[in-house]
Amino acid sequence: EVQLVESGGGLVQAGGSLRLSCAASGFTSDDYIIGWFRQAPGKEREGVSCIRNSDGRTYYEDSYYEDSMKGRFTISSDNANNTVYLQMNSLKPEDTAVYYCATTVGIDGIWGLGFLRGYYGVDYWGKGTLVTVSS
């Protein structure tokens, strides 16, 4: 069974940076997509970014190109250590949320934006890590 363990959350002042990590284990094939979702207080969970393991292609939810998140978040992976990262810079109070790592397996050529928007469902979720940005 796939397990995802997030770390790296915490309290940071506005303008600061955090790097979230997701340690993954239990994959039985290389055909999966993995990424980050977040849920702010009182709001629905939303997709942030993901990376398709088969070719390393990265996706960011489109809306984040249009608002102040553009360029502030970067997803990356370390395949040797089965870890996915989310580097978050210039953090703002509105970035306060629980950040979840998630993965869907076994769909060849999965569309990353579809994954972030819930079109395929999510097979496994991590327990989340809380990011609090103070003003």
N, C-alpha and C. Protein backbone atom coordinates (compact mmCIF):
# COMPACT_ATOMS: atom_id res chain seq x y z
N GLU A 1 0.83 -1.19 0.00
CA GLU A 1 0.00 0.00 0.00
C GLU A 1 0.88 1.25 0.00
N VAL A 2 0.45 2.24 -0.76
CA VAL A 2 1.20 3.49 -0.84
C VAL A 2 0.99 4.29 0.45
N GLN A 3 2.08 4.83 0.94
CA GLN A 3 2.01 5.72 2.10
C GLN A 3 2.68 7.04 1.76
N LEU A 4 2.07 8.12 2.21
CA LEU A 4 2.58 9.46 1.97
C LEU A 4 2.69 10.17 3.31
N VAL A 5 3.86 10.70 3.60
CA VAL A 5 4.08 11.39 4.87
C VAL A 5 4.63 12.79 4.59
N GLU A 6 3.84 13.78 4.96
CA GLU A 6 4.25 15.16 4.75
C GLU A 6 5.03 15.69 5.95
N SER A 7 5.88 16.65 5.67
CA SER A 7 6.59 17.37 6.72
C SER A 7 6.98 18.74 6.20
N GLY A 8 7.41 19.59 7.10
CA GLY A 8 7.91 20.89 6.69
C GLY A 8 6.99 22.06 6.97
N GLY A 9 5.78 21.78 7.42
CA GLY A 9 4.88 22.88 7.74
C GLY A 9 5.30 23.59 9.01
N GLY A 10 4.63 24.70 9.29
CA GLY A 10 4.95 25.45 10.49
C GLY A 10 4.42 26.85 10.42
N LEU A 11 4.87 27.66 11.37
CA LEU A 11 4.48 29.06 11.45
C LEU A 11 5.58 29.91 10.84
N VAL A 12 5.20 30.79 9.94
CA VAL A 12 6.18 31.65 9.29
C VAL A 12 5.56 33.04 9.11
N GLN A 13 6.38 34.05 9.14
CA GLN A 13 5.89 35.40 8.90
C GLN A 13 5.67 35.64 7.42
N ALA A 14 4.79 36.54 7.12
CA ALA A 14 4.56 36.92 5.73
C ALA A 14 5.88 37.32 5.09
N GLY A 15 6.07 36.84 3.87
CA GLY A 15 7.32 37.09 3.16
C GLY A 15 8.34 36.00 3.32
N GLY A 16 8.10 35.09 4.24
CA GLY A 16 9.02 34.00 4.48
C GLY A 16 8.83 32.84 3.53
N SER A 17 9.62 31.80 3.75
CA SER A 17 9.60 30.63 2.88
C SER A 17 9.50 29.35 3.71
N LEU A 18 8.92 28.35 3.08
CA LEU A 18 8.89 27.01 3.64
C LEU A 18 9.07 26.02 2.51
N ARG A 19 9.64 24.88 2.83
CA ARG A 19 9.70 23.79 1.87
C ARG A 19 9.01 22.58 2.49
N LEU A 20 7.94 22.18 1.84
CA LEU A 20 7.22 20.99 2.28
C LEU A 20 7.82 19.76 1.61
N SER A 21 7.82 18.66 2.32
CA SER A 21 8.31 17.40 1.80
C SER A 21 7.22 16.34 1.91
N CYS A 22 7.20 15.46 0.94
CA CYS A 22 6.29 14.33 0.96
C CYS A 22 7.11 13.07 0.69
N ALA A 23 7.29 12.27 1.72
CA ALA A 23 8.02 11.02 1.59
C ALA A 23 7.04 9.93 1.18
N ALA A 24 7.29 9.34 0.02
CA ALA A 24 6.37 8.35 -0.52
C ALA A 24 6.99 6.96 -0.48
N SER A 25 6.15 5.97 -0.26
CA SER A 25 6.61 4.58 -0.27
C SER A 25 5.48 3.69 -0.72
N GLY A 26 5.84 2.50 -1.19
CA GLY A 26 4.85 1.50 -1.52
C GLY A 26 4.40 1.45 -2.97
N PHE A 27 4.97 2.31 -3.82
CA PHE A 27 4.59 2.25 -5.23
C PHE A 27 5.09 0.95 -5.84
N THR A 28 4.26 0.32 -6.65
CA THR A 28 4.64 -0.92 -7.31
C THR A 28 4.92 -0.72 -8.80
N SER A 29 4.72 0.49 -9.28
CA SER A 29 5.10 0.81 -10.65
C SER A 29 5.49 2.28 -10.71
N ASP A 30 6.02 2.68 -11.84
CA ASP A 30 6.42 4.08 -12.01
C ASP A 30 5.30 4.93 -12.60
N ASP A 31 4.14 4.33 -12.80
CA ASP A 31 3.04 5.01 -13.48
C ASP A 31 2.12 5.67 -12.45
N TYR A 32 2.52 6.85 -12.00
CA TYR A 32 1.69 7.56 -11.04
C TYR A 32 1.93 9.05 -11.15
N ILE A 33 1.02 9.77 -10.58
CA ILE A 33 1.16 11.23 -10.50
C ILE A 33 1.05 11.58 -9.02
N ILE A 34 1.79 12.57 -8.59
CA ILE A 34 1.82 12.92 -7.17
C ILE A 34 1.90 14.42 -7.04
N GLY A 35 1.20 14.95 -6.05
CA GLY A 35 1.21 16.40 -5.94
C GLY A 35 0.64 16.90 -4.63
N TRP A 36 0.36 18.21 -4.62
CA TRP A 36 -0.06 18.91 -3.42
C TRP A 36 -1.42 19.55 -3.59
N PHE A 37 -2.21 19.40 -2.55
CA PHE A 37 -3.48 20.08 -2.42
C PHE A 37 -3.43 20.87 -1.11
N ARG A 38 -4.33 21.81 -0.98
CA ARG A 38 -4.39 22.54 0.28
C ARG A 38 -5.84 22.85 0.65
N GLN A 39 -6.06 23.01 1.94
CA GLN A 39 -7.39 23.36 2.43
C GLN A 39 -7.24 24.45 3.48
N ALA A 40 -7.72 25.62 3.12
CA ALA A 40 -7.70 26.75 4.03
C ALA A 40 -8.89 26.69 4.98
N PRO A 41 -8.81 27.33 6.13
CA PRO A 41 -9.92 27.30 7.07
C PRO A 41 -11.23 27.76 6.43
N GLY A 42 -12.25 26.94 6.55
CA GLY A 42 -13.56 27.30 6.03
C GLY A 42 -13.71 27.18 4.53
N LYS A 43 -12.72 26.65 3.87
CA LYS A 43 -12.78 26.53 2.41
C LYS A 43 -12.63 25.08 1.97
N GLU A 44 -12.97 24.84 0.72
CA GLU A 44 -12.82 23.50 0.17
C GLU A 44 -11.35 23.23 -0.16
N ARG A 45 -11.01 21.96 -0.19
CA ARG A 45 -9.66 21.57 -0.58
C ARG A 45 -9.47 21.87 -2.06
N GLU A 46 -8.28 22.34 -2.42
CA GLU A 46 -8.00 22.69 -3.81
C GLU A 46 -6.62 22.19 -4.22
N GLY A 47 -6.49 21.92 -5.50
CA GLY A 47 -5.21 21.48 -6.03
C GLY A 47 -4.23 22.63 -6.14
N VAL A 48 -2.96 22.32 -5.93
CA VAL A 48 -1.91 23.33 -6.03
C VAL A 48 -0.97 23.00 -7.20
N SER A 49 -0.31 21.86 -7.11
CA SER A 49 0.68 21.49 -8.10
C SER A 49 0.93 20.00 -8.05
N CYS A 50 1.40 19.44 -9.18
CA CYS A 50 1.69 18.01 -9.21
C CYS A 50 2.79 17.72 -10.22
N ILE A 51 3.30 16.50 -10.14
CA ILE A 51 4.35 16.07 -11.04
C ILE A 51 4.05 14.64 -11.49
N ARG A 52 4.15 14.43 -12.78
CA ARG A 52 3.87 13.12 -13.35
C ARG A 52 5.16 12.33 -13.35
N ASN A 53 5.18 11.21 -12.68
CA ASN A 53 6.43 10.49 -12.46
C ASN A 53 7.03 9.95 -13.76
N SER A 54 6.22 9.55 -14.71
CA SER A 54 6.72 8.89 -15.92
C SER A 54 7.64 9.78 -16.73
N ASP A 55 7.37 11.09 -16.75
CA ASP A 55 8.20 11.98 -17.55
C ASP A 55 8.64 13.24 -16.80
N GLY A 56 8.26 13.35 -15.54
CA GLY A 56 8.68 14.50 -14.74
C GLY A 56 7.97 15.79 -15.06
N ARG A 57 6.91 15.72 -15.87
CA ARG A 57 6.21 16.95 -16.22
C ARG A 57 5.49 17.50 -14.99
N THR A 58 5.59 18.80 -14.83
CA THR A 58 4.96 19.46 -13.69
C THR A 58 3.74 20.26 -14.13
N TYR A 59 2.80 20.38 -13.23
CA TYR A 59 1.57 21.11 -13.50
C TYR A 59 1.28 22.03 -12.31
N TYR A 60 0.74 23.17 -12.62
CA TYR A 60 0.28 24.10 -11.59
C TYR A 60 -1.14 24.47 -11.95
N GLU A 61 -1.99 24.53 -10.93
CA GLU A 61 -3.36 24.89 -11.20
C GLU A 61 -3.39 26.24 -11.91
N ASP A 62 -4.15 26.33 -12.99
CA ASP A 62 -4.12 27.52 -13.85
C ASP A 62 -4.36 28.82 -13.11
N SER A 63 -5.27 28.76 -12.17
CA SER A 63 -5.64 30.00 -11.49
C SER A 63 -4.45 30.62 -10.79
N TYR A 64 -3.47 29.79 -10.46
CA TYR A 64 -2.33 30.32 -9.73
C TYR A 64 -1.39 31.11 -10.62
N TYR A 65 -1.57 31.00 -11.92
CA TYR A 65 -0.79 31.86 -12.79
C TYR A 65 -1.39 33.26 -12.85
N GLU A 66 -2.64 33.37 -12.46
CA GLU A 66 -3.35 34.62 -12.64
C GLU A 66 -3.36 35.48 -11.38
N ASP A 67 -2.96 34.89 -10.29
CA ASP A 67 -3.01 35.69 -9.08
C ASP A 67 -1.63 35.77 -8.44
N SER A 68 -1.60 36.17 -7.23
CA SER A 68 -0.33 36.46 -6.60
C SER A 68 0.52 35.23 -6.32
N MET A 69 -0.01 34.03 -6.62
CA MET A 69 0.79 32.85 -6.36
C MET A 69 1.81 32.59 -7.46
N LYS A 70 1.64 33.24 -8.59
CA LYS A 70 2.50 32.96 -9.73
C LYS A 70 3.97 33.08 -9.36
N GLY A 71 4.71 32.03 -9.67
CA GLY A 71 6.14 32.07 -9.45
C GLY A 71 6.58 31.86 -8.03
N ARG A 72 5.64 31.78 -7.10
CA ARG A 72 6.05 31.66 -5.70
C ARG A 72 6.19 30.22 -5.26
N PHE A 73 5.47 29.31 -5.91
CA PHE A 73 5.51 27.91 -5.52
C PHE A 73 6.20 27.09 -6.61
N THR A 74 7.03 26.14 -6.22
CA THR A 74 7.71 25.28 -7.17
C THR A 74 7.68 23.84 -6.66
N ILE A 75 7.24 22.94 -7.52
CA ILE A 75 7.24 21.52 -7.15
C ILE A 75 8.47 20.86 -7.75
N SER A 76 9.02 19.89 -7.03
CA SER A 76 10.15 19.13 -7.54
C SER A 76 10.13 17.76 -6.90
N SER A 77 10.96 16.87 -7.44
CA SER A 77 11.01 15.52 -6.89
C SER A 77 12.44 15.02 -6.83
N ASP A 78 12.68 14.17 -5.88
CA ASP A 78 13.96 13.47 -5.73
C ASP A 78 13.64 11.99 -5.83
N ASN A 79 13.77 11.44 -7.01
CA ASN A 79 13.35 10.06 -7.22
C ASN A 79 14.20 9.08 -6.43
N ALA A 80 15.45 9.41 -6.23
CA ALA A 80 16.32 8.51 -5.47
C ALA A 80 15.82 8.32 -4.04
N ASN A 81 15.21 9.37 -3.50
CA ASN A 81 14.70 9.30 -2.13
C ASN A 81 13.18 9.23 -2.06
N ASN A 82 12.54 9.09 -3.24
CA ASN A 82 11.07 9.00 -3.30
C ASN A 82 10.41 10.12 -2.52
N THR A 83 10.88 11.32 -2.76
CA THR A 83 10.36 12.48 -2.05
C THR A 83 9.96 13.57 -3.03
N VAL A 84 8.84 14.17 -2.77
CA VAL A 84 8.36 15.30 -3.57
C VAL A 84 8.35 16.53 -2.67
N TYR A 85 8.77 17.64 -3.24
CA TYR A 85 8.87 18.88 -2.48
C TYR A 85 7.95 19.95 -3.05
N LEU A 86 7.55 20.85 -2.18
CA LEU A 86 6.87 22.07 -2.61
C LEU A 86 7.59 23.23 -1.95
N GLN A 87 8.35 23.96 -2.74
CA GLN A 87 9.03 25.15 -2.25
C GLN A 87 8.08 26.33 -2.33
N MET A 88 7.87 26.97 -1.21
CA MET A 88 6.93 28.09 -1.15
C MET A 88 7.68 29.33 -0.69
N ASN A 89 7.70 30.33 -1.54
CA ASN A 89 8.41 31.58 -1.23
C ASN A 89 7.42 32.73 -1.13
N SER A 90 7.88 33.82 -0.53
CA SER A 90 7.08 35.04 -0.40
C SER A 90 5.67 34.71 0.11
N LEU A 91 5.63 33.95 1.16
CA LEU A 91 4.34 33.48 1.68
C LEU A 91 3.47 34.62 2.16
N LYS A 92 2.16 34.43 2.00
CA LYS A 92 1.17 35.44 2.38
C LYS A 92 0.19 34.81 3.36
N PRO A 93 -0.47 35.61 4.16
CA PRO A 93 -1.45 35.05 5.10
C PRO A 93 -2.50 34.19 4.42
N GLU A 94 -2.86 34.52 3.20
CA GLU A 94 -3.87 33.71 2.49
C GLU A 94 -3.35 32.35 2.06
N ASP A 95 -2.07 32.09 2.22
CA ASP A 95 -1.52 30.76 1.97
C ASP A 95 -1.70 29.84 3.17
N THR A 96 -2.19 30.36 4.27
CA THR A 96 -2.44 29.55 5.46
C THR A 96 -3.43 28.44 5.12
N ALA A 97 -3.03 27.20 5.38
CA ALA A 97 -3.86 26.04 5.04
C ALA A 97 -3.17 24.78 5.53
N VAL A 98 -3.91 23.69 5.52
CA VAL A 98 -3.31 22.38 5.65
C VAL A 98 -2.95 21.90 4.25
N TYR A 99 -1.73 21.51 4.07
CA TYR A 99 -1.24 21.08 2.76
C TYR A 99 -1.14 19.56 2.77
N TYR A 100 -1.77 18.95 1.77
CA TYR A 100 -1.82 17.51 1.66
C TYR A 100 -1.05 17.03 0.44
N CYS A 101 -0.34 15.95 0.62
CA CYS A 101 0.26 15.23 -0.49
C CYS A 101 -0.72 14.16 -0.95
N ALA A 102 -0.79 13.93 -2.25
CA ALA A 102 -1.76 12.97 -2.77
C ALA A 102 -1.22 12.33 -4.04
N THR A 103 -1.73 11.14 -4.34
CA THR A 103 -1.29 10.46 -5.53
C THR A 103 -2.40 9.63 -6.15
N THR A 104 -2.33 9.49 -7.45
CA THR A 104 -3.20 8.58 -8.20
C THR A 104 -2.29 7.70 -9.04
N VAL A 105 -2.58 6.42 -9.04
CA VAL A 105 -1.68 5.47 -9.69
C VAL A 105 -2.35 4.78 -10.87
N GLY A 106 -1.52 4.30 -11.79
CA GLY A 106 -1.96 3.40 -12.83
C GLY A 106 -2.69 3.99 -14.01
N ILE A 107 -2.69 5.31 -14.17
CA ILE A 107 -3.33 5.92 -15.33
C ILE A 107 -2.25 6.46 -16.26
N ASP A 108 -2.03 5.75 -17.36
CA ASP A 108 -0.98 6.14 -18.30
C ASP A 108 -1.29 7.50 -18.92
N GLY A 109 -0.31 8.40 -18.92
CA GLY A 109 -0.51 9.71 -19.54
C GLY A 109 -1.51 10.60 -18.84
N ILE A 110 -1.70 10.41 -17.55
CA ILE A 110 -2.69 11.19 -16.82
C ILE A 110 -2.42 12.68 -16.99
N TRP A 111 -3.50 13.44 -17.14
CA TRP A 111 -3.42 14.89 -17.31
C TRP A 111 -3.32 15.52 -15.93
N GLY A 112 -2.24 16.25 -15.70
CA GLY A 112 -1.99 16.76 -14.37
C GLY A 112 -3.04 17.73 -13.87
N LEU A 113 -3.51 18.60 -14.74
CA LEU A 113 -4.54 19.54 -14.30
C LEU A 113 -5.83 18.80 -13.95
N GLY A 114 -6.10 17.72 -14.67
CA GLY A 114 -7.27 16.93 -14.32
C GLY A 114 -7.14 16.30 -12.95
N PHE A 115 -5.91 15.86 -12.63
CA PHE A 115 -5.66 15.31 -11.30
C PHE A 115 -5.92 16.37 -10.23
N LEU A 116 -5.38 17.58 -10.46
CA LEU A 116 -5.55 18.65 -9.48
C LEU A 116 -7.01 19.06 -9.33
N ARG A 117 -7.80 18.90 -10.36
CA ARG A 117 -9.21 19.30 -10.33
C ARG A 117 -10.14 18.16 -9.94
N GLY A 118 -9.57 17.00 -9.63
CA GLY A 118 -10.39 15.90 -9.13
C GLY A 118 -11.05 15.05 -10.18
N TYR A 119 -10.65 15.18 -11.44
CA TYR A 119 -11.30 14.42 -12.51
C TYR A 119 -11.08 12.91 -12.36
N TYR A 120 -9.97 12.51 -11.80
CA TYR A 120 -9.61 11.11 -11.73
C TYR A 120 -9.79 10.53 -10.33
N GLY A 121 -10.05 11.39 -9.38
CA GLY A 121 -10.03 10.92 -7.99
C GLY A 121 -8.60 10.80 -7.51
N VAL A 122 -8.46 10.61 -6.24
CA VAL A 122 -7.16 10.44 -5.60
C VAL A 122 -7.15 9.08 -4.91
N ASP A 123 -6.11 8.32 -5.16
CA ASP A 123 -6.03 6.99 -4.57
C ASP A 123 -5.51 7.01 -3.13
N TYR A 124 -4.56 7.90 -2.86
CA TYR A 124 -3.97 7.94 -1.53
C TYR A 124 -3.72 9.39 -1.12
N TRP A 125 -3.99 9.65 0.13
CA TRP A 125 -3.74 10.97 0.72
C TRP A 125 -2.78 10.84 1.89
N GLY A 126 -1.95 11.86 2.07
CA GLY A 126 -1.22 11.98 3.31
C GLY A 126 -2.12 12.60 4.37
N LYS A 127 -1.60 12.73 5.57
CA LYS A 127 -2.40 13.28 6.67
C LYS A 127 -2.37 14.80 6.71
N GLY A 128 -1.46 15.39 5.97
CA GLY A 128 -1.41 16.84 5.90
C GLY A 128 -0.40 17.47 6.83
N THR A 129 0.03 18.66 6.46
CA THR A 129 0.92 19.45 7.30
C THR A 129 0.41 20.89 7.30
N LEU A 130 0.35 21.49 8.47
CA LEU A 130 -0.25 22.81 8.61
C LEU A 130 0.78 23.89 8.35
N VAL A 131 0.40 24.81 7.48
CA VAL A 131 1.20 26.00 7.20
C VAL A 131 0.42 27.21 7.69
N THR A 132 1.02 27.98 8.58
CA THR A 132 0.38 29.18 9.09
C THR A 132 1.28 30.37 8.79
N VAL A 133 0.74 31.33 8.08
CA VAL A 133 1.49 32.53 7.71
C VAL A 133 0.90 33.71 8.47
N SER A 134 1.72 34.31 9.31
CA SER A 134 1.26 35.45 10.10
C SER A 134 1.56 36.76 9.38
N SER A 135 0.69 37.73 9.62
CA SER A 135 0.86 39.03 8.94
C SER A 135 1.73 39.97 9.75
